[in-house]
Structure formats: C-alpha cells, structure tokens
Protein backbone atom coordinates (compact mmCIF):
# COMPACT_ATOMS: atom_id res chain seq x y z
CA MET A 1 -3.86 -1.46 -24.59
CA SER A 2 -7.27 -2.15 -23.05
CA THR A 3 -8.94 0.79 -21.32
CA LYS A 4 -11.08 -1.44 -19.14
CA THR A 5 -10.07 -2.32 -15.60
CA LYS A 6 -11.50 -4.57 -12.97
CA ARG A 7 -14.13 -3.28 -10.58
CA TYR A 8 -14.42 -4.04 -6.90
CA SER A 9 -16.94 -6.74 -6.01
CA ALA A 10 -18.18 -8.52 -2.90
CA GLY A 11 -17.59 -11.87 -4.61
CA LYS A 12 -13.89 -11.21 -5.14
CA GLY A 13 -13.61 -9.98 -1.57
CA LEU A 14 -15.14 -13.19 -0.20
CA ILE A 15 -12.84 -15.34 -2.33
CA TRP A 16 -9.74 -13.54 -1.07
CA LEU A 17 -11.04 -13.65 2.51
CA PHE A 18 -11.42 -17.42 2.22
CA ILE A 19 -7.90 -17.73 0.77
CA PHE A 20 -6.52 -15.56 3.57
CA LEU A 21 -8.23 -17.57 6.34
CA ALA A 22 -7.28 -20.90 4.79
CA LEU A 23 -3.62 -19.99 4.42
CA SER A 24 -3.48 -18.47 7.91
CA LEU A 25 -4.90 -21.62 9.51
CA LEU A 26 -2.85 -24.12 7.50
CA PRO A 27 0.07 -24.25 10.01
CA LEU A 28 -2.37 -24.94 12.86
CA LEU A 29 -4.25 -27.61 10.89
CA ALA A 30 -0.98 -29.27 9.85
CA ALA A 31 0.28 -29.30 13.45
CA TYR A 32 -2.96 -30.84 14.74
CA SER A 33 -3.14 -33.49 12.02
CA GLY A 34 -1.93 -37.08 12.18
CA ASP A 35 -0.48 -38.32 15.46
CA ILE A 36 -1.55 -35.81 18.12
CA PRO A 37 0.17 -35.85 21.55
CA PRO A 38 -1.93 -36.03 24.74
CA LYS A 39 -3.77 -32.82 25.52
CA ARG A 40 -2.38 -30.50 28.19
CA THR A 41 -4.19 -27.82 30.20
CA LEU A 42 -6.63 -25.46 28.50
CA LEU A 43 -4.27 -22.48 28.87
CA GLU A 44 -1.37 -24.42 27.39
CA GLU A 45 -3.39 -25.59 24.40
CA LEU A 46 -4.84 -22.11 23.88
CA GLY A 47 -1.32 -20.66 23.96
CA VAL A 48 -0.17 -23.17 21.35
CA VAL A 49 -3.19 -22.51 19.11
CA LEU A 50 -2.63 -18.73 19.23
CA GLY A 51 1.06 -19.25 18.54
CA PHE A 52 0.44 -21.31 15.40
CA ILE A 53 -2.26 -18.93 14.14
CA GLY A 54 -0.02 -15.94 14.85
CA LEU A 55 2.84 -17.58 12.97
CA GLY A 56 0.51 -18.24 10.04
CA LEU A 57 -0.64 -14.61 10.05
CA PHE A 58 2.97 -13.44 10.11
CA GLY A 59 3.78 -15.58 7.10
CA ILE A 60 0.76 -14.37 5.14
CA GLN A 61 1.99 -10.79 5.59
CA PHE A 62 4.56 -11.49 2.88
CA LEU A 63 1.69 -12.20 0.47
CA PHE A 64 -0.04 -8.86 1.14
CA SER A 65 3.17 -6.83 1.17
CA GLY A 66 4.68 -8.44 -1.93
CA ARG A 67 3.08 -6.08 -4.49
CA ILE A 68 1.22 -8.91 -6.18
CA LYS A 69 -0.82 -7.37 -8.98
CA GLN A 70 -3.45 -10.11 -8.87
CA VAL A 71 -4.46 -9.08 -5.33
CA ALA A 72 -4.75 -5.30 -5.72
CA PRO A 73 -7.58 -5.16 -8.32
CA SER A 74 -9.92 -6.83 -5.83
CA PHE A 75 -9.42 -4.27 -3.07
CA GLY A 76 -7.14 -1.37 -3.99
CA VAL A 77 -3.55 -0.96 -2.86
CA ASP A 78 -4.35 1.42 0.00
CA ASN A 79 -6.89 -1.04 1.42
CA ILE A 80 -4.39 -3.90 1.16
CA VAL A 81 -1.75 -1.87 3.00
CA GLN A 82 -4.25 -1.00 5.74
CA PHE A 83 -5.28 -4.66 5.99
CA HIS A 84 -1.60 -5.65 6.15
CA LYS A 85 -1.08 -3.22 9.03
CA GLU A 86 -4.12 -4.33 11.04
CA ILE A 87 -3.51 -8.06 10.56
CA GLY A 88 0.12 -7.51 11.53
CA ILE A 89 -1.04 -6.09 14.86
CA VAL A 90 -3.31 -9.10 15.40
CA ALA A 91 -0.44 -11.46 14.54
CA ILE A 92 1.86 -9.80 17.07
CA ILE A 93 -0.81 -9.98 19.80
CA PHE A 94 -1.42 -13.68 19.06
CA VAL A 95 2.28 -14.57 19.07
CA LEU A 96 2.99 -12.59 22.26
CA SER A 97 0.01 -14.34 23.89
CA HIS A 98 1.72 -17.68 23.23
CA PRO A 99 4.50 -17.39 25.88
CA ILE A 100 2.28 -15.42 28.28
CA LEU A 101 -0.40 -18.12 28.42
CA LEU A 102 2.17 -20.90 28.70
CA LEU A 103 3.90 -19.11 31.60
CA VAL A 104 0.58 -18.52 33.36
CA ALA A 105 -0.23 -22.22 32.95
CA ASP A 106 3.18 -23.43 34.12
CA TRP A 107 6.05 -21.20 35.22
CA GLU A 108 8.51 -23.94 34.26
CA TYR A 109 8.26 -22.69 30.67
CA ILE A 110 10.49 -19.78 31.73
CA SER A 111 13.38 -22.20 31.13
CA PHE A 112 12.99 -21.51 27.40
CA TYR A 113 14.36 -18.02 28.13
CA ASP A 114 17.18 -19.31 30.37
CA PRO A 115 20.57 -19.05 28.60
CA ARG A 116 22.00 -21.65 30.98
CA GLU A 117 19.59 -24.22 29.57
CA ASN A 118 20.12 -23.42 25.89
CA LEU A 119 21.90 -20.20 24.92
CA PRO A 120 20.95 -20.04 21.19
CA ARG A 121 17.30 -20.80 21.98
CA ALA A 122 17.12 -18.23 24.78
CA ALA A 123 18.81 -15.55 22.66
CA ALA A 124 16.49 -16.21 19.72
CA LEU A 125 13.33 -16.07 21.86
CA VAL A 126 14.42 -12.89 23.64
CA PHE A 127 15.22 -11.34 20.25
CA ALA A 128 11.82 -12.44 18.91
CA THR A 129 9.95 -11.00 21.91
CA PHE A 130 11.61 -7.60 21.74
CA GLY A 131 11.56 -7.74 17.93
CA MET A 132 7.76 -8.01 17.90
CA ILE A 133 7.44 -5.08 20.30
CA THR A 134 9.83 -3.04 18.13
CA LEU A 135 7.93 -3.98 14.97
CA LEU A 136 4.64 -2.91 16.52
CA TYR A 137 6.01 0.35 17.93
CA THR A 138 7.82 1.47 14.78
CA SER A 139 4.83 0.65 12.57
CA LEU A 140 2.29 2.55 14.70
CA TRP A 141 4.41 5.53 15.70
CA ARG A 142 7.08 5.88 13.01
CA VAL A 143 6.15 9.45 12.10
CA SER A 144 5.84 10.72 15.68
CA THR A 145 9.20 9.19 16.62
CA GLY A 146 10.89 10.71 13.57
CA LEU A 147 12.11 7.37 12.23
CA ASN A 148 13.37 7.74 8.67
CA TYR A 149 11.23 5.88 6.11
CA GLU A 150 14.21 4.06 4.61
CA TRP A 151 15.40 2.87 8.02
CA TRP A 152 11.87 1.80 8.94
CA ARG A 153 11.62 -0.18 5.70
CA LEU A 154 14.90 -1.97 6.47
CA ILE A 155 13.91 -2.69 10.09
CA HIS A 156 10.47 -3.87 9.02
CA GLY A 157 11.81 -6.31 6.44
CA VAL A 158 14.64 -7.71 8.59
CA LEU A 159 12.43 -8.18 11.65
CA GLY A 160 9.59 -9.71 9.63
CA PHE A 161 11.91 -12.25 8.03
CA SER A 162 13.72 -12.99 11.32
CA LEU A 163 10.55 -13.49 13.36
CA VAL A 164 9.04 -15.97 10.91
CA PHE A 165 12.35 -17.85 10.67
CA ILE A 166 12.67 -18.06 14.47
CA GLY A 167 9.04 -19.19 14.73
CA ILE A 168 9.62 -22.04 12.28
CA VAL A 169 12.83 -23.21 13.98
CA HIS A 170 11.25 -22.93 17.44
CA SER A 171 8.21 -25.00 16.38
CA ILE A 172 10.42 -27.72 14.89
CA GLN A 173 12.84 -27.82 17.83
CA VAL A 174 10.08 -28.10 20.44
CA GLY A 175 8.57 -30.86 18.34
CA HIS A 176 5.52 -31.39 20.54
CA TYR A 177 3.14 -31.17 17.60
CA LEU A 178 5.62 -31.20 14.73
CA ASN A 179 6.49 -34.78 15.59
CA GLU A 180 6.29 -36.28 12.10
CA PHE A 181 8.45 -35.69 9.04
CA TYR A 182 5.61 -34.59 6.75
CA LYS A 183 4.62 -31.85 9.23
CA ILE A 184 8.16 -30.50 9.35
CA ALA A 185 8.43 -30.68 5.55
CA PHE A 186 5.12 -28.82 5.20
CA PHE A 187 6.26 -26.03 7.52
CA ILE A 188 9.53 -25.58 5.64
CA ILE A 189 7.87 -25.56 2.20
CA PHE A 190 4.89 -23.41 3.24
CA PHE A 191 6.83 -20.71 5.01
CA GLY A 192 9.74 -20.96 2.59
CA SER A 193 7.36 -20.09 -0.25
CA LEU A 194 6.00 -17.09 1.65
CA ILE A 195 9.47 -15.86 2.61
CA TYR A 196 10.44 -16.07 -1.06
CA LEU A 197 7.84 -13.37 -1.77
CA LEU A 198 9.85 -11.02 0.44
CA VAL A 199 13.08 -12.04 -1.26
CA HIS A 200 11.44 -11.56 -4.66
CA THR A 201 10.26 -8.05 -3.78
CA ARG A 202 13.52 -6.88 -2.20
CA LEU A 203 16.08 -8.66 -4.41
CA VAL A 204 14.67 -10.27 -7.57
CA ARG A 205 12.58 -7.32 -8.75
CA PRO A 206 15.38 -4.76 -8.28
CA TYR A 207 17.68 -7.10 -10.22
CA MET A 208 15.16 -7.19 -13.07
CA ALA A 209 14.74 -3.40 -12.91
CA LYS A 210 18.51 -2.98 -13.25
CA LYS A 211 18.25 -4.41 -16.75
CA ASP A 212 15.64 -1.83 -17.80
CA PRO A 213 16.58 1.62 -16.40
CA PHE A 214 15.03 5.02 -17.08
CA ILE A 215 16.62 8.43 -17.61
CA ILE A 216 15.39 11.68 -16.09
CA LYS A 217 14.84 13.96 -19.10
CA GLU A 218 13.46 17.04 -17.34
CA ILE A 219 12.66 18.37 -13.88
CA LEU A 220 9.69 20.72 -14.19
CA PRO A 221 8.77 23.02 -11.27
CA GLN A 222 5.07 23.28 -10.43
CA LYS A 223 3.15 25.52 -8.06
CA ASP A 224 3.09 24.95 -4.29
CA ASP A 225 6.66 23.59 -4.17
CA CYS A 226 5.80 20.62 -6.41
CA TYR A 227 8.00 19.10 -9.10
CA THR A 228 7.32 16.91 -12.11
CA LEU A 229 9.89 14.37 -13.27
CA ARG A 230 9.74 13.55 -16.97
CA LEU A 231 11.22 10.11 -17.56
CA GLU A 232 12.32 8.20 -20.62
CA LYS A 233 13.11 4.52 -20.93
CA LYS A 234 16.58 3.60 -22.15
CA SER A 235 15.22 0.65 -24.10
CA THR A 236 12.76 0.97 -26.97
CA GLU A 237 10.17 -1.30 -25.34
CA PRO A 238 7.25 0.91 -24.19
CA PHE A 239 6.22 1.17 -20.55
CA ARG A 240 2.45 0.70 -20.35
CA PHE A 241 0.19 1.86 -17.54
CA LEU A 242 -3.46 2.71 -16.97
CA PRO A 243 -4.45 6.28 -16.04
CA GLY A 244 -4.49 6.55 -12.25
CA GLN A 245 -1.89 3.86 -11.60
CA PHE A 246 1.36 4.44 -9.73
CA THR A 247 4.93 3.20 -9.76
CA TRP A 248 7.67 2.60 -7.21
CA ILE A 249 10.65 4.74 -8.18
CA THR A 250 14.28 4.58 -7.13
CA ILE A 251 16.61 7.41 -8.14
CA SER A 252 20.08 6.03 -7.64
CA HIS A 253 22.96 4.33 -9.42
CA THR A 254 21.51 1.03 -8.15
CA PRO A 255 17.92 -0.29 -7.91
CA PHE A 256 18.82 -2.00 -4.61
CA SER A 257 18.69 1.32 -2.76
CA LEU A 258 16.34 1.51 0.23
CA GLN A 259 15.08 4.85 -1.06
CA GLN A 260 12.14 3.52 -3.06
CA HIS A 261 8.83 5.40 -2.97
CA PRO A 262 5.40 5.17 -4.66
CA PHE A 263 4.09 7.99 -6.89
CA SER A 264 1.12 8.24 -9.23
CA PHE A 265 1.68 8.98 -12.89
CA SER A 266 0.56 12.48 -13.87
CA SER A 267 0.96 11.92 -17.61
CA SER A 268 -1.42 10.55 -20.21
CA ALA A 269 -1.48 6.80 -20.64
CA GLU A 270 -1.76 7.30 -24.40
CA LYS A 271 1.65 8.88 -24.97
CA GLY A 272 5.17 7.57 -24.57
CA VAL A 273 6.06 10.34 -22.10
CA LEU A 274 6.16 9.29 -18.44
CA GLU A 275 5.66 11.92 -15.75
CA ILE A 276 5.31 11.73 -11.99
CA THR A 277 4.60 14.74 -9.81
CA ALA A 278 5.13 15.20 -6.08
CA LYS A 279 5.33 17.89 -3.43
CA ARG A 280 8.52 18.47 -1.46
CA ILE A 281 7.35 17.20 1.92
CA GLY A 282 9.84 14.47 2.82
CA ASP A 283 13.50 13.48 2.70
CA PHE A 284 13.15 11.91 -0.74
CA THR A 285 11.07 14.57 -2.52
CA ASN A 286 13.17 17.35 -0.97
CA THR A 287 16.00 16.23 -3.27
CA TRP A 288 13.98 16.58 -6.49
CA LYS A 289 14.82 20.24 -7.12
CA TYR A 290 18.50 19.28 -7.12
CA LEU A 291 18.16 16.42 -9.61
CA GLN A 292 19.82 16.75 -13.00
CA PRO A 293 18.73 15.56 -16.45
CA GLY A 294 20.50 12.34 -17.34
CA GLN A 295 20.34 10.80 -13.88
CA THR A 296 19.25 7.17 -13.71
CA ALA A 297 15.94 6.05 -12.24
CA TYR A 298 14.42 2.60 -11.80
CA LEU A 299 10.69 1.98 -11.96
CA GLU A 300 8.72 -0.97 -10.65
CA GLY A 301 5.13 -1.31 -11.71
CA PRO A 302 2.67 -0.17 -12.69
CA PHE A 303 0.39 -0.89 -9.71
CA GLY A 304 -3.04 0.12 -8.51
CA SER A 305 -6.74 -0.27 -9.23
CA PHE A 306 -7.53 3.45 -8.83
CA THR A 307 -7.97 3.57 -12.57
CA LEU A 308 -10.22 5.16 -15.15
CA LYS A 309 -13.28 3.01 -15.80
CA GLU A 310 -15.90 3.35 -18.53
CA LYS A 311 -18.43 5.63 -16.79
CA PRO A 312 -18.47 9.43 -16.45
CA CYS A 313 -16.23 10.64 -13.60
CA PHE A 314 -16.88 12.54 -10.40
CA LEU A 315 -13.56 13.45 -8.79
CA VAL A 316 -12.93 14.98 -5.37
CA MET A 317 -9.25 15.78 -4.98
CA GLY A 318 -7.03 18.00 -2.91
CA GLY A 319 -3.59 19.50 -3.44
CA ILE A 320 -1.05 17.18 -5.00
CA GLY A 321 -3.57 14.34 -4.58
CA VAL A 322 -4.88 15.46 -7.96
CA THR A 323 -2.05 13.68 -9.84
CA PRO A 324 -4.03 10.52 -10.74
CA GLY A 325 -6.92 12.77 -11.79
CA ILE A 326 -4.60 14.73 -14.08
CA SER A 327 -3.61 11.43 -15.68
CA PHE A 328 -7.33 10.65 -16.15
CA LEU A 329 -8.07 13.96 -17.82
CA LYS A 330 -4.99 14.01 -20.05
CA THR A 331 -5.79 10.48 -21.21
CA LEU A 332 -9.39 11.42 -22.01
CA ALA A 333 -8.14 14.42 -24.00
CA ASP A 334 -5.75 12.25 -26.01
CA ARG A 335 -8.53 9.73 -26.67
CA LYS A 336 -10.94 12.55 -27.61
CA ASP A 337 -13.32 11.04 -25.05
CA GLN A 338 -16.14 13.48 -24.27
CA ARG A 339 -17.72 11.71 -21.31
CA LYS A 340 -18.83 14.04 -18.50
CA CYS A 341 -16.21 14.73 -15.81
CA ILE A 342 -16.74 16.77 -12.65
CA LEU A 343 -13.66 17.73 -10.61
CA ILE A 344 -13.97 19.33 -7.18
CA TYR A 345 -10.42 20.45 -6.47
CA GLY A 346 -9.42 21.80 -3.06
CA ASN A 347 -6.36 23.95 -2.37
CA GLU A 348 -5.22 26.57 0.10
CA ARG A 349 -4.73 29.56 -2.22
CA TRP A 350 -5.23 30.38 -5.91
CA LYS A 351 -1.53 30.96 -6.46
CA LYS A 352 -0.67 27.54 -5.04
CA ILE A 353 -2.86 25.33 -7.24
CA PRO A 354 -0.77 22.63 -8.96
CA PHE A 355 -1.65 22.09 -12.65
CA ARG A 356 -3.89 25.20 -12.64
CA GLU A 357 -3.08 26.28 -16.20
CA GLU A 358 -3.14 22.69 -17.43
CA LEU A 359 -6.65 22.20 -16.04
CA GLU A 360 -7.84 25.35 -17.80
CA ARG A 361 -6.50 23.97 -21.09
CA LEU A 362 -8.15 20.61 -20.48
CA LYS A 363 -11.52 22.35 -19.94
CA ASN A 364 -11.36 23.39 -23.59
CA GLN A 365 -10.57 19.87 -24.80
CA ILE A 366 -12.89 17.60 -22.84
CA ASN A 367 -16.30 17.76 -21.15
CA LEU A 368 -14.89 18.91 -17.80
CA GLU A 369 -16.72 20.84 -15.08
CA LEU A 370 -14.01 22.24 -12.81
CA ILE A 371 -14.84 23.53 -9.33
CA HIS A 372 -11.97 25.14 -7.44
CA VAL A 373 -12.35 25.27 -3.65
CA LEU A 374 -9.99 27.60 -1.79
CA GLU A 375 -9.38 27.35 1.94
CA LYS A 376 -7.80 30.84 2.16
CA PRO A 377 -9.05 32.79 -0.87
CA ASP A 378 -8.23 36.37 -1.78
CA LYS A 379 -10.89 39.00 -1.08
CA ASP A 380 -12.00 39.15 -4.71
CA TRP A 381 -12.54 35.36 -4.99
CA ASP A 382 -16.14 34.57 -5.93
CA GLY A 383 -15.86 30.77 -6.15
CA GLU A 384 -16.23 28.03 -3.54
CA LYS A 385 -14.32 28.58 -0.33
CA GLY A 386 -13.54 26.74 2.89
CA LEU A 387 -13.08 22.99 3.23
CA ILE A 388 -14.64 20.30 1.05
CA ASP A 389 -17.51 18.99 3.18
CA GLU A 390 -20.82 17.20 2.76
CA LYS A 391 -22.73 20.35 1.81
CA LEU A 392 -20.31 21.29 -0.95
CA VAL A 393 -20.03 17.78 -2.39
CA THR A 394 -23.82 17.36 -2.37
CA LYS A 395 -24.23 20.63 -4.28
CA TYR A 396 -22.42 19.22 -7.32
CA LEU A 397 -23.61 15.60 -7.25
CA PRO A 398 -25.21 14.47 -10.53
CA GLU A 399 -28.87 13.49 -10.57
CA ASP A 400 -28.14 10.05 -12.02
CA LEU A 401 -25.80 9.10 -9.15
CA ASN A 402 -24.89 5.57 -10.14
CA GLU A 403 -24.21 6.45 -13.76
CA PHE A 404 -20.90 7.92 -12.53
CA ASP A 405 -17.72 6.52 -11.01
CA TYR A 406 -16.40 8.41 -7.98
CA TYR A 407 -12.72 9.00 -7.28
CA ILE A 408 -11.24 10.52 -4.12
CA CYS A 409 -7.60 11.42 -3.44
CA GLY A 410 -6.11 14.01 -1.11
CA PRO A 411 -5.98 14.89 2.60
CA GLY A 412 -7.52 12.30 4.92
CA GLN A 413 -10.34 14.43 6.33
CA MET A 414 -11.40 15.57 2.86
CA MET A 415 -11.47 11.95 1.67
CA ASP A 416 -13.54 10.87 4.67
CA ASN A 417 -16.04 13.70 4.12
CA ALA A 418 -16.44 12.88 0.43
CA GLU A 419 -16.72 9.12 0.86
CA LEU A 420 -19.26 9.37 3.69
CA THR A 421 -21.29 11.82 1.61
CA PHE A 422 -21.34 9.48 -1.38
CA ARG A 423 -22.51 6.57 0.75
CA LYS A 424 -25.09 8.69 2.56
CA LYS A 425 -26.57 9.92 -0.72
CA GLY A 426 -26.92 6.40 -2.11
CA VAL A 427 -23.88 5.88 -4.33
CA ASP A 428 -23.14 2.17 -4.82
CA TRP A 429 -19.92 1.33 -2.93
CA ARG A 430 -18.64 -0.50 -6.01
CA ASN A 431 -18.55 2.85 -7.83
CA ILE A 432 -16.39 4.57 -5.18
CA TYR A 433 -12.59 4.51 -5.46
CA ALA A 434 -10.29 6.09 -2.91
CA GLU A 435 -6.50 6.22 -2.90
CA ARG A 436 -4.70 6.84 0.38
CA PHE A 437 -0.90 6.82 0.21
CA ASP A 438 -0.16 6.63 3.92
CA PHE A 439 1.96 3.50 3.58
CA VAL A 440 3.07 3.39 7.22
C-alpha cells in the first residue's frame, strides 16, 4: 500500500469552489433559461432567485455529507463538515427569505398557506417552514438542548430529504419558471441524483457493510476511562487504511442502526490488527466497558486526509486526541522509519495519560522527542505544566520550520493556540493538518 497521501492545495480548493458554485446555481440557471415569463416586481423576482439558490444549496448538502472520499483529500473531513454546517445555515436563510419577500411584495401569496385553497400544498409548505427552523435549531444547539446524537441524525436526514423533495414539487406545481418539459426533467434528474447520495450513505453502504462484518476480539482498558477495541475481519480480505485515518463504526446486530460514530484508528497501518480507542464521554462510548468479545461490528471507511506524509512530524495533541498520532508512531516503528518526530502531548495528570507506557516504548524504537504537558501536575513534576499555548509551542519548534509537517488534534482551544502559533511563526498552511471531530 502506498504511504503517500494527497496534500492540501489552493488549486484543488479553487476547483472544488467552482464545482460547488456551479452546481448550486444550476437550478436557478435552468429556471431562467428558455422561455422566460414576464418580469414581476423586484421583491418578487429577488424572492424567487433566493428560493432557487437556496434549493440548490440544500441539494448540494447531500454531496458534502455523503462521505465521498474524492472530496475529503482536498480539504479534510472536519473542514468539509464545518462547510456543510455553514452553507446549510445560508441555504435555510435563503429559502426562508423566499416566502417573506413574496409576502412583502404581495400579501395575496398568503393563499399558498391557506388549507381552504389547497390542503396538501398548505400542509407541505407549513411543514417545510417549521422543518427548516427545526433543522437550524437542532443543528446549532443540539448539545445544549440535550438532543441525543442518534435522534438528531435521524431528524437531520429525514428533514433534509423532505425539504428538498417539497421544494422540487413546489417549484414544478407553481410552474411560473418551470414552464417547459426539459426544465422539469432537469430538476427531477439533478435533485434525484443528489438525493441518491443520501440514500447511498444511509441504505446502500450499510447493506454492503452487512456482507463484510467485523468481530470484537478484545476490549482493552486504558488510562483516563478510555477503552481500545481490537477488531478482526470475518473475511480474509485485509482492511487497508493510512495512519491517521478514521472509520465509522456500528456495534449492533445490524449495520442499519442509527448508532454509527467516527473514530480514528490507534493501530499501525502495517499490521492486520485493527484498533480504535475512545474515552467514555457519550451514550455510545459509555457502553464500551460492557462489550463482550465476539460481538459484531460494522466498519465504513477508511476516511480522512489527516494522514502521515513524507516529512518529519511535529504533533500537538491533547488527551484522547492523540489516537491518530499513536497510529502514526506505531506505523513508523513497524516501517523502521527514523524520521524526526516531535510530540507535545497535553493531559490533566500523569496518572491519566492514555498510551503513556506505549509512548515510552516507542521512544526506544523511533526518533521521537516526547514532551508531556500536565495541567495539574504533582508537586515533584519537573516537566512542562499548564496549558499548551504559544510560548510552549514556540519553545519546541524546529529551526527548519517548513521541513516538517504539523498535526494538531485535541481540545478546541489547544488546537486554536497551536494553529495560530504555526501560522504566526511562518509555517506554510499547506503543511498544517488539524482534525476536529465536532460533527454537530
């Protein structure tokens, strides 16, 4: 398996930006092509334009949430998820502006919401209006409202599909701009293709995973209430991944379970053993200590561009965010790769450091400089203490800055401090890789 992975580049970013804009505007361009009806007031036309653009943006969300491996190497999965979230907000604002502007222009449009005029239409539009508000609210404030991740995932998928479907039907039924057969056919094919991406992610991929299950071989306790799952494939075909990548895992008798979560591999990419490690901080990971060897798991992946490149490594990681870094270091040890690696590793206390003994062993196998940083050290601790900030990161930066690749994973504030320090000191942005697993 090749050890080389794609780097970020401005060129790839511009290409994908062009593709995104083109696809988002296609519904509007199709509607305004061919035989165009007489123009109405400025507010009415603006409302229609925002509605078509918003519908296009909604449809494109299925592209950026469909776990398409060709997209992630250009940006990184965490960046794609953040982009998906922000564009989703813009799409909702645009679509909600559509009825508001039309009603401001002419109050007669309120008849679209009148069940006496057309009950199915009114019900669908009321559902769509409140559905968009619900989608926005649950996406922005899921954690603070205590909404379960699995329920959010179900609500998110159902509402996303329903809103696009209602938007297509509404556009065709109104027929003001979709007044020719080819326009209607385009809308059905275009949005049908995008909706299929959702169907593929939620139905086709689990069906394929069902044919290739994994078995939990061991559940290994780690420090700080963390657990490692050691997995083995039932079939003899090997599961290949690059160090630093992650997988979506479902632990259930069926891969169609809503309880599917992403975790980085903590094992070497050079051995047949698959391991993922996580801390018990949520509903799903809280069950890990009760798992039993022999239980079935389903994996989808691998995914991610937070992968080991060819340069020496400078890693800033905190807590259980070290898992992709552990995969890096184990892989280097198995490859007998002696490139320079610097790991600044932040934790609360010495007794709570995950992989502490493993890191000490790796120091004897590879060219690893390990700097532990403790937030609450014991009195006899003579190493680095406090939080990982600009001063501490700068202290360990190599002289030949851009001869290294930089990897950051851990708590948000630590990641921000490290990334801003790298940029401030002159590290090329193309050499900086950050992985944030705040998926909602």
